[in-house]
Amino acid sequence: MPDEETTQYAITSNAIKQCLNVLTDKTDKIFFIPGNNEWSDGKQYTLENLHSTEHFLEEIVSQQDIMRPSQGCGDPEIIELTNDLILVLVDSHERMYISNEGRSLVAKIFTFEFLK
């Protein structure tokens, strides 16, 4: 999330609140997969920025671990929606973040093996 004192914070927080209002009227279970905006504060991409966004989301919605994978790390998650339908949640930016730390090949192999 951008710094609270900036106009970008107001724009970002209002956009998130509008999306969540629409979703909470339709369902009781929401999954939020972080993208570039959640990793960034407008200046740099960091895990701290992602945690800030996750905390913001959890304050608005009475649902812990709304962001998946939680805290920007972890394995891809499989959610069984029905007997015939699953949802696979992957934070691809987290995979890129790992690759920037020098483990790209391991991350790619793990992701593909997990999905097999």
N, C-alpha and C. Protein backbone atom coordinates (compact mmCIF):
# COMPACT_ATOMS: atom_id res chain seq x y z
N MET A 1 0.84 -1.17 0.00
CA MET A 1 0.00 0.00 0.00
C MET A 1 0.89 1.24 0.00
N PRO A 2 0.45 2.25 -0.71
CA PRO A 2 1.17 3.52 -0.65
C PRO A 2 1.09 4.12 0.76
N ASP A 3 1.95 5.06 1.05
CA ASP A 3 1.90 5.74 2.35
C ASP A 3 0.53 6.39 2.54
N GLU A 4 0.02 6.32 3.77
CA GLU A 4 -1.32 6.82 4.06
C GLU A 4 -1.47 8.32 3.80
N GLU A 5 -0.39 9.06 3.82
CA GLU A 5 -0.46 10.51 3.63
C GLU A 5 -0.59 10.91 2.16
N THR A 6 -0.45 9.96 1.25
CA THR A 6 -0.45 10.29 -0.18
C THR A 6 -1.85 10.18 -0.78
N THR A 7 -2.05 10.87 -1.90
CA THR A 7 -3.33 10.76 -2.61
C THR A 7 -3.47 9.38 -3.23
N GLN A 8 -2.34 8.74 -3.54
CA GLN A 8 -2.39 7.39 -4.12
C GLN A 8 -2.99 6.39 -3.13
N TYR A 9 -2.74 6.61 -1.84
CA TYR A 9 -3.33 5.74 -0.82
C TYR A 9 -4.85 5.83 -0.85
N ALA A 10 -5.36 7.04 -0.93
CA ALA A 10 -6.82 7.23 -0.97
C ALA A 10 -7.41 6.57 -2.20
N ILE A 11 -6.76 6.71 -3.33
CA ILE A 11 -7.24 6.10 -4.58
C ILE A 11 -7.22 4.58 -4.46
N THR A 12 -6.11 4.04 -3.98
CA THR A 12 -5.95 2.58 -3.86
C THR A 12 -6.93 2.00 -2.86
N SER A 13 -7.01 2.61 -1.68
CA SER A 13 -7.90 2.07 -0.65
C SER A 13 -9.36 2.14 -1.08
N ASN A 14 -9.76 3.21 -1.75
CA ASN A 14 -11.14 3.31 -2.24
C ASN A 14 -11.44 2.26 -3.29
N ALA A 15 -10.49 2.01 -4.20
CA ALA A 15 -10.70 0.99 -5.23
C ALA A 15 -10.85 -0.39 -4.61
N ILE A 16 -10.01 -0.71 -3.64
CA ILE A 16 -10.10 -2.01 -2.96
C ILE A 16 -11.42 -2.13 -2.21
N LYS A 17 -11.81 -1.08 -1.50
CA LYS A 17 -13.07 -1.11 -0.74
C LYS A 17 -14.27 -1.31 -1.66
N GLN A 18 -14.27 -0.67 -2.81
CA GLN A 18 -15.37 -0.83 -3.77
C GLN A 18 -15.45 -2.28 -4.25
N CYS A 19 -14.32 -2.86 -4.59
CA CYS A 19 -14.31 -4.26 -5.04
C CYS A 19 -14.81 -5.19 -3.94
N LEU A 20 -14.32 -4.98 -2.73
CA LEU A 20 -14.73 -5.83 -1.61
C LEU A 20 -16.21 -5.67 -1.29
N ASN A 21 -16.75 -4.47 -1.41
CA ASN A 21 -18.18 -4.26 -1.17
C ASN A 21 -19.02 -5.06 -2.15
N VAL A 22 -18.63 -5.07 -3.40
CA VAL A 22 -19.36 -5.85 -4.41
C VAL A 22 -19.28 -7.33 -4.07
N LEU A 23 -18.10 -7.80 -3.73
CA LEU A 23 -17.91 -9.23 -3.46
C LEU A 23 -18.60 -9.68 -2.19
N THR A 24 -18.53 -8.90 -1.13
CA THR A 24 -19.13 -9.32 0.14
C THR A 24 -20.65 -9.39 0.05
N ASP A 25 -21.23 -8.68 -0.90
CA ASP A 25 -22.67 -8.78 -1.11
C ASP A 25 -23.05 -10.08 -1.82
N LYS A 26 -22.09 -10.71 -2.49
CA LYS A 26 -22.38 -11.89 -3.32
C LYS A 26 -21.91 -13.21 -2.71
N THR A 27 -20.90 -13.15 -1.82
CA THR A 27 -20.33 -14.40 -1.30
C THR A 27 -19.77 -14.18 0.09
N ASP A 28 -19.60 -15.27 0.82
CA ASP A 28 -19.01 -15.15 2.16
C ASP A 28 -17.54 -15.55 2.18
N LYS A 29 -17.00 -16.00 1.05
CA LYS A 29 -15.60 -16.41 0.98
C LYS A 29 -14.93 -15.69 -0.18
N ILE A 30 -13.93 -14.88 0.15
CA ILE A 30 -13.23 -14.10 -0.87
C ILE A 30 -11.75 -14.49 -0.88
N PHE A 31 -11.20 -14.67 -2.08
CA PHE A 31 -9.78 -14.94 -2.24
C PHE A 31 -9.18 -13.77 -3.01
N PHE A 32 -8.16 -13.18 -2.45
CA PHE A 32 -7.49 -12.04 -3.06
C PHE A 32 -6.08 -12.47 -3.43
N ILE A 33 -5.79 -12.54 -4.72
CA ILE A 33 -4.46 -12.92 -5.18
C ILE A 33 -3.70 -11.64 -5.49
N PRO A 34 -2.58 -11.42 -4.80
CA PRO A 34 -1.86 -10.17 -5.00
C PRO A 34 -1.25 -10.04 -6.39
N GLY A 35 -1.23 -8.82 -6.87
CA GLY A 35 -0.60 -8.50 -8.14
C GLY A 35 0.45 -7.43 -7.94
N ASN A 36 0.88 -6.83 -9.01
CA ASN A 36 1.94 -5.82 -8.94
C ASN A 36 1.61 -4.70 -7.96
N ASN A 37 0.37 -4.23 -7.96
CA ASN A 37 0.00 -3.11 -7.09
C ASN A 37 0.13 -3.46 -5.62
N GLU A 38 -0.10 -4.69 -5.26
CA GLU A 38 -0.03 -5.09 -3.86
C GLU A 38 1.42 -5.24 -3.38
N TRP A 39 2.31 -5.55 -4.29
CA TRP A 39 3.73 -5.66 -3.96
C TRP A 39 4.41 -4.29 -3.93
N SER A 40 3.78 -3.28 -4.49
CA SER A 40 4.42 -1.98 -4.67
C SER A 40 3.78 -0.91 -3.78
N ASP A 41 4.61 0.03 -3.36
CA ASP A 41 4.11 1.21 -2.67
C ASP A 41 4.16 2.43 -3.59
N GLY A 42 4.37 2.17 -4.87
CA GLY A 42 4.49 3.24 -5.85
C GLY A 42 5.94 3.57 -6.15
N LYS A 43 6.84 3.03 -5.34
CA LYS A 43 8.26 3.29 -5.53
C LYS A 43 9.06 2.01 -5.73
N GLN A 44 8.75 1.00 -4.93
CA GLN A 44 9.50 -0.25 -5.02
C GLN A 44 8.60 -1.44 -4.67
N TYR A 45 9.02 -2.62 -5.11
CA TYR A 45 8.30 -3.86 -4.85
C TYR A 45 8.97 -4.58 -3.69
N THR A 46 8.24 -4.73 -2.58
CA THR A 46 8.82 -5.40 -1.41
C THR A 46 7.77 -6.25 -0.72
N LEU A 47 8.26 -7.19 0.07
CA LEU A 47 7.38 -8.04 0.87
C LEU A 47 6.67 -7.20 1.94
N GLU A 48 7.32 -6.17 2.44
CA GLU A 48 6.70 -5.28 3.42
C GLU A 48 5.45 -4.60 2.85
N ASN A 49 5.55 -4.17 1.60
CA ASN A 49 4.38 -3.55 0.95
C ASN A 49 3.24 -4.55 0.84
N LEU A 50 3.56 -5.78 0.50
CA LEU A 50 2.55 -6.82 0.39
C LEU A 50 1.87 -7.06 1.73
N HIS A 51 2.66 -7.14 2.81
CA HIS A 51 2.10 -7.35 4.14
C HIS A 51 1.18 -6.20 4.54
N SER A 52 1.55 -4.98 4.16
CA SER A 52 0.72 -3.81 4.44
C SER A 52 -0.65 -3.94 3.77
N THR A 53 -0.65 -4.38 2.52
CA THR A 53 -1.91 -4.56 1.80
C THR A 53 -2.74 -5.67 2.43
N GLU A 54 -2.09 -6.77 2.79
CA GLU A 54 -2.82 -7.88 3.41
C GLU A 54 -3.46 -7.44 4.73
N HIS A 55 -2.73 -6.70 5.52
CA HIS A 55 -3.27 -6.19 6.79
C HIS A 55 -4.47 -5.27 6.53
N PHE A 56 -4.36 -4.42 5.54
CA PHE A 56 -5.45 -3.52 5.16
C PHE A 56 -6.70 -4.31 4.79
N LEU A 57 -6.54 -5.35 3.99
CA LEU A 57 -7.66 -6.19 3.56
C LEU A 57 -8.33 -6.88 4.75
N GLU A 58 -7.51 -7.43 5.64
CA GLU A 58 -8.05 -8.17 6.78
C GLU A 58 -8.79 -7.26 7.76
N GLU A 59 -8.42 -5.97 7.80
CA GLU A 59 -9.15 -5.03 8.64
C GLU A 59 -10.53 -4.72 8.08
N ILE A 60 -10.65 -4.71 6.75
CA ILE A 60 -11.91 -4.38 6.11
C ILE A 60 -12.88 -5.56 6.12
N VAL A 61 -12.36 -6.74 5.81
CA VAL A 61 -13.19 -7.95 5.72
C VAL A 61 -12.90 -8.81 6.95
N SER A 62 -13.92 -9.29 7.59
CA SER A 62 -13.71 -10.12 8.77
C SER A 62 -13.35 -11.54 8.36
N GLN A 63 -12.27 -11.65 7.62
CA GLN A 63 -11.78 -12.94 7.13
C GLN A 63 -10.27 -12.92 7.16
N GLN A 64 -9.70 -13.79 7.97
CA GLN A 64 -8.24 -13.89 8.01
C GLN A 64 -7.74 -14.63 6.78
N ASP A 65 -6.52 -14.34 6.39
CA ASP A 65 -5.90 -14.98 5.23
C ASP A 65 -6.73 -14.81 3.97
N ILE A 66 -7.26 -13.62 3.78
CA ILE A 66 -8.00 -13.33 2.55
C ILE A 66 -7.06 -13.34 1.35
N MET A 67 -5.80 -12.93 1.59
CA MET A 67 -4.82 -12.92 0.51
C MET A 67 -4.19 -14.30 0.41
N ARG A 68 -4.18 -14.83 -0.79
CA ARG A 68 -3.63 -16.16 -1.01
C ARG A 68 -2.59 -16.13 -2.10
N PRO A 69 -1.44 -16.73 -1.92
CA PRO A 69 -0.97 -17.29 -0.66
C PRO A 69 -0.71 -16.18 0.36
N SER A 70 -0.93 -16.52 1.63
CA SER A 70 -0.82 -15.54 2.69
C SER A 70 0.61 -15.06 2.85
N GLN A 71 0.75 -13.78 3.11
CA GLN A 71 2.02 -13.12 3.38
C GLN A 71 3.02 -13.27 2.22
N GLY A 72 2.49 -13.46 1.02
CA GLY A 72 3.34 -13.45 -0.16
C GLY A 72 4.28 -14.61 -0.31
N CYS A 73 4.01 -15.68 0.36
CA CYS A 73 4.88 -16.84 0.18
C CYS A 73 4.06 -18.09 0.41
N GLY A 74 4.62 -19.16 -0.02
CA GLY A 74 3.92 -20.42 0.18
C GLY A 74 3.68 -21.12 -1.14
N ASP A 75 3.20 -22.30 -1.02
CA ASP A 75 2.92 -23.12 -2.18
C ASP A 75 1.65 -22.64 -2.87
N PRO A 76 1.50 -22.98 -4.12
CA PRO A 76 0.20 -22.76 -4.76
C PRO A 76 -0.87 -23.49 -3.95
N GLU A 77 -2.05 -22.92 -3.90
CA GLU A 77 -3.13 -23.53 -3.13
C GLU A 77 -4.21 -24.06 -4.05
N ILE A 78 -4.76 -25.21 -3.66
CA ILE A 78 -5.86 -25.80 -4.41
C ILE A 78 -7.10 -25.72 -3.53
N ILE A 79 -8.14 -25.08 -4.04
CA ILE A 79 -9.41 -24.95 -3.33
C ILE A 79 -10.44 -25.76 -4.10
N GLU A 80 -11.06 -26.72 -3.43
CA GLU A 80 -12.10 -27.52 -4.07
C GLU A 80 -13.41 -26.76 -3.98
N LEU A 81 -13.90 -26.30 -5.12
CA LEU A 81 -15.16 -25.56 -5.16
C LEU A 81 -16.36 -26.49 -5.21
N THR A 82 -16.26 -27.52 -6.03
CA THR A 82 -17.27 -28.57 -6.10
C THR A 82 -16.53 -29.88 -6.33
N ASN A 83 -17.27 -30.98 -6.44
CA ASN A 83 -16.63 -32.27 -6.71
C ASN A 83 -15.91 -32.29 -8.05
N ASP A 84 -16.37 -31.47 -8.98
CA ASP A 84 -15.81 -31.46 -10.33
C ASP A 84 -14.99 -30.23 -10.67
N LEU A 85 -14.81 -29.32 -9.71
CA LEU A 85 -14.16 -28.05 -10.02
C LEU A 85 -13.21 -27.63 -8.90
N ILE A 86 -11.96 -27.37 -9.29
CA ILE A 86 -11.00 -26.85 -8.32
C ILE A 86 -10.50 -25.48 -8.77
N LEU A 87 -10.02 -24.73 -7.82
CA LEU A 87 -9.43 -23.42 -8.09
C LEU A 87 -7.99 -23.50 -7.62
N VAL A 88 -7.04 -23.17 -8.51
CA VAL A 88 -5.63 -23.17 -8.15
C VAL A 88 -5.19 -21.72 -8.02
N LEU A 89 -4.70 -21.36 -6.85
CA LEU A 89 -4.28 -19.99 -6.56
C LEU A 89 -2.76 -19.94 -6.51
N VAL A 90 -2.17 -19.11 -7.37
CA VAL A 90 -0.72 -18.96 -7.43
C VAL A 90 -0.40 -17.48 -7.50
N ASP A 91 0.49 -17.03 -6.65
CA ASP A 91 0.98 -15.67 -6.74
C ASP A 91 2.22 -15.70 -7.62
N SER A 92 2.04 -15.38 -8.89
CA SER A 92 3.16 -15.46 -9.83
C SER A 92 4.22 -14.41 -9.52
N HIS A 93 3.84 -13.29 -8.94
CA HIS A 93 4.84 -12.28 -8.59
C HIS A 93 5.74 -12.81 -7.48
N GLU A 94 5.18 -13.58 -6.57
CA GLU A 94 5.99 -14.18 -5.51
C GLU A 94 7.00 -15.12 -6.14
N ARG A 95 6.61 -15.82 -7.18
CA ARG A 95 7.54 -16.70 -7.89
C ARG A 95 8.64 -15.88 -8.55
N MET A 96 8.30 -14.72 -9.07
CA MET A 96 9.31 -13.84 -9.66
C MET A 96 10.20 -13.26 -8.57
N TYR A 97 9.61 -12.96 -7.40
CA TYR A 97 10.38 -12.43 -6.28
C TYR A 97 11.42 -13.45 -5.85
N ILE A 98 11.02 -14.72 -5.79
CA ILE A 98 11.96 -15.80 -5.48
C ILE A 98 13.07 -15.83 -6.52
N SER A 99 12.69 -15.70 -7.79
CA SER A 99 13.70 -15.78 -8.84
C SER A 99 14.70 -14.64 -8.72
N ASN A 100 14.25 -13.48 -8.27
CA ASN A 100 15.17 -12.37 -8.06
C ASN A 100 16.15 -12.66 -6.93
N GLU A 101 15.79 -13.57 -6.08
CA GLU A 101 16.68 -13.95 -4.98
C GLU A 101 17.65 -15.05 -5.43
N GLY A 102 17.62 -15.42 -6.71
CA GLY A 102 18.58 -16.38 -7.23
C GLY A 102 18.12 -17.82 -7.22
N ARG A 103 16.84 -18.04 -7.05
CA ARG A 103 16.34 -19.41 -7.00
C ARG A 103 15.32 -19.67 -8.09
N SER A 104 15.44 -19.02 -9.22
CA SER A 104 14.40 -19.08 -10.24
C SER A 104 14.15 -20.49 -10.76
N LEU A 105 15.19 -21.23 -11.03
CA LEU A 105 15.01 -22.57 -11.59
C LEU A 105 14.27 -23.46 -10.59
N VAL A 106 14.66 -23.40 -9.33
CA VAL A 106 13.99 -24.20 -8.31
C VAL A 106 12.52 -23.81 -8.22
N ALA A 107 12.21 -22.51 -8.23
CA ALA A 107 10.83 -22.05 -8.14
C ALA A 107 10.02 -22.53 -9.32
N LYS A 108 10.57 -22.44 -10.53
CA LYS A 108 9.83 -22.87 -11.72
C LYS A 108 9.57 -24.37 -11.68
N ILE A 109 10.59 -25.15 -11.36
CA ILE A 109 10.42 -26.60 -11.30
C ILE A 109 9.38 -26.96 -10.24
N PHE A 110 9.46 -26.33 -9.07
CA PHE A 110 8.52 -26.64 -8.00
C PHE A 110 7.09 -26.32 -8.43
N THR A 111 6.89 -25.18 -9.03
CA THR A 111 5.54 -24.78 -9.47
C THR A 111 4.97 -25.79 -10.45
N PHE A 112 5.74 -26.16 -11.45
CA PHE A 112 5.24 -27.11 -12.45
C PHE A 112 5.01 -28.50 -11.84
N GLU A 113 5.87 -28.91 -10.95
CA GLU A 113 5.69 -30.21 -10.31
C GLU A 113 4.45 -30.21 -9.43
N PHE A 114 4.20 -29.12 -8.73
CA PHE A 114 3.04 -29.01 -7.88
C PHE A 114 1.76 -29.14 -8.68
N LEU A 115 1.73 -28.53 -9.86
CA LEU A 115 0.51 -28.52 -10.66
C LEU A 115 0.28 -29.82 -11.42
N LYS A 116 1.30 -30.69 -11.52
CA LYS A 116 1.11 -31.97 -12.22
C LYS A 116 0.09 -32.78 -11.53
